[in-house]
Amino acid sequence: NAARNLPRWLISSFDWITDFGKSGWFLWPLGILFLALAALPQSFSHMSQRVLAAAMVRVGFLFVAVAVPGLFVNGVKQIIGRARPFVTGIADPYVFKPFTWGAAYASLPSGHAVTAFSVLVAFGTLWPRSRTILLIYALLIAASRVVVTAHHPTDVLAGALVGIVGALWVCRYFALRGLGFSIGPDGILQQKPGPSLKRIKSVARELLA
C-alpha cells in the first residue's frame, strides 16, 4: 500500500530497473558464448585448449548457477499459488490458490529476486571484487519488485534465499567434480586458478591467425 503512494517518477524509475532482473539478460549471452567456445576448432595448441576448457567450465558454471534456481522457482511458485498484490483488489498476502497455472497467482517466490541473487553469488564467486556492485544490483532488483507492486516483501526475501542457496549448491556440485572449484581441507569452496589475461590474449592471437 505504501508503494502505491510513492512519487510517480520513483515508481517509473523502478519499473525500468526491474526489467534487468530477467534471467534472459544473463542466460542468452552465456549460452551463446558457451556454444561459440564449443564450436571453435580443435587444432589449437595444447595450452590454448586448456585455456578454452577452463573458460568453458566457468561460462557453464555461470549459466547453470543462474538457470537451475530459476527453473526450480518457476515450478514451485505455480504449486504454491500465492496471489500477487492487489489481484483481489487489496494487498492481501494470505490469498493462495495452489496449482493455479497463471501469473496472477505466481507471487511466491519472486523470480526476479532469484535471478538477481544467484547472479550475485555466481559472478561474485568468480570475481570477488565485483561483489559490492553485484549486491547493489541485487538489492535494487529486489526493491523494484515491491515498489512496482509485483510482489510482497516476503516473496522477495524467499526469492533471495532460493537464489543464494541454489547458486551455492551449483558451485558445490562443480567443486565435487573438480570443475573450476575445489573443496579445501576445511570444507570451504575454493576457486581453481583460471587462465591469465596474457594466455587469453595468446589464444585470441592464435584464433585470428
Protein backbone atom coordinates (compact mmCIF):
# COMPACT_ATOMS: atom_id res chain seq x y z
CA ASN A 1 0.00 0.00 0.00
CA ALA A 2 2.86 2.36 0.78
CA ALA A 3 4.48 1.60 -2.57
CA ARG A 4 1.37 2.75 -4.40
CA ASN A 5 1.69 6.15 -2.74
CA LEU A 6 5.31 6.72 -3.77
CA PRO A 7 6.08 9.53 -6.25
CA ARG A 8 5.22 8.64 -9.82
CA TRP A 9 8.77 9.33 -11.06
CA LEU A 10 10.19 6.90 -8.49
CA ILE A 11 7.80 4.12 -9.47
CA SER A 12 8.59 4.72 -13.15
CA SER A 13 12.33 4.51 -12.42
CA PHE A 14 11.96 1.20 -10.62
CA ASP A 15 9.66 -0.03 -13.38
CA TRP A 16 12.61 0.44 -15.74
CA ILE A 17 15.14 -1.05 -13.31
CA THR A 18 13.07 -4.17 -12.62
CA ASP A 19 13.40 -5.29 -16.25
CA PHE A 20 17.08 -6.04 -15.66
CA GLY A 21 16.13 -8.79 -13.22
CA LYS A 22 15.01 -11.09 -16.02
CA SER A 23 17.18 -14.18 -16.38
CA GLY A 24 17.35 -13.78 -20.16
CA TRP A 25 19.80 -10.91 -19.76
CA PHE A 26 22.31 -13.47 -18.47
CA LEU A 27 21.27 -16.84 -19.89
CA TRP A 28 21.16 -15.85 -23.56
CA PRO A 29 24.66 -14.29 -23.69
CA LEU A 30 26.15 -17.06 -21.54
CA GLY A 31 24.51 -19.80 -23.62
CA ILE A 32 25.66 -18.25 -26.90
CA LEU A 33 29.20 -17.76 -25.55
CA PHE A 34 29.35 -21.38 -24.37
CA LEU A 35 28.22 -22.68 -27.77
CA ALA A 36 30.70 -20.39 -29.53
CA LEU A 37 33.56 -21.73 -27.41
CA ALA A 38 32.44 -25.30 -28.03
CA ALA A 39 32.34 -24.67 -31.79
CA LEU A 40 35.95 -23.49 -32.01
CA PRO A 41 38.28 -25.76 -33.99
CA GLN A 42 40.29 -28.38 -32.10
CA SER A 43 43.56 -27.56 -33.90
CA PHE A 44 44.81 -25.24 -31.17
CA SER A 45 47.98 -25.88 -29.18
CA HIS A 46 47.70 -27.93 -26.02
CA MET A 47 47.98 -24.82 -23.83
CA SER A 48 45.28 -22.99 -25.81
CA GLN A 49 42.95 -25.96 -25.48
CA ARG A 50 43.42 -25.91 -21.71
CA VAL A 51 42.63 -22.19 -21.61
CA LEU A 52 39.47 -22.71 -23.67
CA ALA A 53 38.41 -25.65 -21.48
CA ALA A 54 38.83 -23.51 -18.35
CA ALA A 55 36.80 -20.71 -19.95
CA MET A 56 34.03 -23.14 -20.93
CA VAL A 57 33.83 -24.51 -17.38
CA ARG A 58 33.40 -21.03 -15.95
CA VAL A 59 30.84 -19.94 -18.53
CA GLY A 60 28.97 -23.21 -17.98
CA PHE A 61 29.03 -22.67 -14.24
CA LEU A 62 27.55 -19.17 -14.56
CA PHE A 63 24.81 -20.45 -16.88
CA VAL A 64 23.82 -23.37 -14.63
CA ALA A 65 24.05 -21.30 -11.41
CA VAL A 66 21.51 -18.82 -12.80
CA ALA A 67 19.33 -21.30 -14.71
CA VAL A 68 18.82 -24.02 -12.06
CA PRO A 69 17.39 -21.80 -9.27
CA GLY A 70 15.19 -20.08 -11.86
CA LEU A 71 13.80 -23.35 -13.21
CA PHE A 72 13.16 -24.59 -9.67
CA VAL A 73 11.26 -21.46 -8.72
CA ASN A 74 9.15 -21.39 -11.88
CA GLY A 75 7.67 -24.73 -10.89
CA VAL A 76 7.39 -24.08 -7.16
CA LYS A 77 5.61 -20.73 -7.46
CA GLN A 78 2.82 -22.29 -9.54
CA ILE A 79 2.35 -25.02 -6.93
CA ILE A 80 2.27 -22.54 -4.02
CA GLY A 81 -0.18 -20.26 -5.85
CA ARG A 82 0.21 -17.09 -3.82
CA ALA A 83 -1.72 -14.11 -5.22
CA ARG A 84 0.21 -11.06 -6.29
CA PRO A 85 -0.58 -7.78 -4.53
CA PHE A 86 -3.97 -6.28 -5.47
CA VAL A 87 -5.07 -9.27 -7.55
CA THR A 88 -8.12 -9.43 -5.29
CA GLY A 89 -8.35 -5.65 -5.01
CA ILE A 90 -6.30 -5.39 -1.82
CA ALA A 91 -2.69 -6.17 -0.89
CA ASP A 92 -3.61 -9.34 0.99
CA PRO A 93 -0.58 -11.64 1.47
CA TYR A 94 -2.75 -14.53 2.66
CA VAL A 95 -4.58 -15.32 -0.59
CA PHE A 96 -3.44 -18.66 -2.04
CA LYS A 97 -4.71 -20.81 -4.92
CA PRO A 98 -2.29 -23.75 -5.14
CA PHE A 99 -1.75 -25.38 -8.53
CA THR A 100 -3.10 -22.33 -10.32
CA TRP A 101 -1.11 -22.02 -13.55
CA GLY A 102 -1.15 -18.29 -14.13
CA ALA A 103 0.93 -15.18 -13.43
CA ALA A 104 -1.66 -13.68 -11.06
CA TYR A 105 -1.08 -16.49 -8.55
CA ALA A 106 2.67 -16.94 -9.03
CA SER A 107 3.96 -14.46 -6.49
CA LEU A 108 5.99 -16.64 -4.12
CA PRO A 109 8.97 -16.68 -4.54
CA SER A 110 9.99 -13.74 -6.76
CA GLY A 111 11.69 -14.98 -9.92
CA HIS A 112 13.48 -11.66 -10.44
CA ALA A 113 14.94 -11.86 -6.92
CA VAL A 114 16.07 -15.44 -7.56
CA THR A 115 17.93 -14.31 -10.69
CA ALA A 116 19.48 -11.24 -9.04
CA PHE A 117 20.82 -13.10 -6.02
CA SER A 118 22.00 -16.14 -7.96
CA VAL A 119 23.91 -13.68 -10.17
CA LEU A 120 25.34 -12.08 -7.04
CA VAL A 121 26.66 -15.43 -5.78
CA ALA A 122 27.76 -16.90 -9.13
CA PHE A 123 29.55 -13.88 -10.58
CA GLY A 124 30.75 -12.79 -7.16
CA THR A 125 32.35 -16.20 -6.64
CA LEU A 126 34.41 -15.90 -9.83
CA TRP A 127 35.14 -12.19 -9.43
CA PRO A 128 35.15 -11.28 -5.70
CA ARG A 129 36.00 -7.63 -6.40
CA SER A 130 32.64 -7.20 -8.16
CA ARG A 131 30.58 -8.24 -5.13
CA THR A 132 29.75 -4.69 -3.99
CA ILE A 133 28.34 -3.72 -7.39
CA LEU A 134 26.53 -7.05 -7.68
CA LEU A 135 25.00 -6.60 -4.22
CA ILE A 136 23.72 -3.14 -5.17
CA TYR A 137 22.25 -4.64 -8.34
CA ALA A 138 20.54 -7.46 -6.42
CA LEU A 139 19.09 -5.12 -3.79
CA LEU A 140 17.78 -2.72 -6.45
CA ILE A 141 16.05 -5.55 -8.31
CA ALA A 142 14.60 -6.89 -5.06
CA ALA A 143 13.31 -3.46 -4.04
CA SER A 144 11.89 -2.82 -7.50
CA ARG A 145 9.59 -5.84 -7.28
CA VAL A 146 7.90 -4.37 -4.20
CA VAL A 147 7.86 -0.78 -5.49
CA VAL A 148 6.07 -1.79 -8.71
CA THR A 149 3.70 -3.91 -6.54
CA ALA A 150 4.53 -7.11 -8.43
CA HIS A 151 5.44 -8.93 -5.20
CA HIS A 152 5.03 -8.90 -1.45
CA PRO A 153 8.24 -8.27 0.56
CA THR A 154 8.28 -11.89 1.71
CA ASP A 155 8.21 -13.05 -1.92
CA VAL A 156 11.41 -11.13 -2.50
CA LEU A 157 13.05 -12.49 0.65
CA ALA A 158 12.16 -16.04 -0.35
CA GLY A 159 13.48 -15.44 -3.86
CA ALA A 160 16.77 -14.09 -2.49
CA LEU A 161 17.16 -17.18 -0.31
CA VAL A 162 16.48 -19.57 -3.21
CA GLY A 163 18.87 -17.69 -5.47
CA ILE A 164 21.70 -17.74 -2.92
CA VAL A 165 21.24 -21.37 -1.86
CA GLY A 166 20.72 -22.56 -5.43
CA ALA A 167 23.87 -20.88 -6.77
CA LEU A 168 25.92 -22.17 -3.82
CA TRP A 169 24.59 -25.69 -4.44
CA VAL A 170 25.65 -25.48 -8.11
CA CYS A 171 29.07 -24.22 -7.01
CA ARG A 172 29.44 -27.19 -4.68
CA TYR A 173 28.26 -29.56 -7.43
CA PHE A 174 31.03 -28.27 -9.71
CA ALA A 175 33.60 -28.42 -6.89
CA LEU A 176 32.85 -32.07 -6.10
CA ARG A 177 33.66 -32.86 -9.72
CA GLY A 178 36.77 -30.70 -9.84
CA LEU A 179 35.24 -28.32 -12.38
CA GLY A 180 36.57 -24.83 -11.75
CA PHE A 181 36.38 -25.23 -7.98
CA SER A 182 37.71 -27.46 -5.24
CA ILE A 183 36.85 -28.12 -1.61
CA GLY A 184 39.68 -27.41 0.81
CA PRO A 185 40.59 -29.49 3.89
CA ASP A 186 38.47 -27.10 5.97
CA GLY A 187 35.43 -27.79 3.78
CA ILE A 188 35.48 -24.31 2.22
CA LEU A 189 34.93 -23.97 -1.53
CA GLN A 190 37.89 -22.57 -3.40
CA GLN A 191 38.13 -21.37 -6.96
CA LYS A 192 40.84 -23.02 -9.04
CA PRO A 193 43.27 -20.64 -10.74
CA GLY A 194 41.85 -19.53 -14.07
CA PRO A 195 43.67 -18.61 -17.27
CA SER A 196 45.60 -15.33 -17.09
CA LEU A 197 44.83 -12.39 -19.36
CA LYS A 198 48.16 -13.00 -21.10
CA ARG A 199 47.17 -16.56 -22.01
CA ILE A 200 43.71 -15.47 -23.14
CA LYS A 201 45.33 -12.91 -25.46
CA SER A 202 47.60 -15.65 -26.76
CA VAL A 203 44.59 -17.83 -27.61
CA ALA A 204 42.90 -14.87 -29.33
CA ARG A 205 46.00 -14.28 -31.46
CA GLU A 206 46.11 -17.97 -32.37
CA LEU A 207 42.45 -17.89 -33.34
CA LEU A 208 42.87 -14.77 -35.51
CA ALA A 209 45.88 -16.32 -37.18
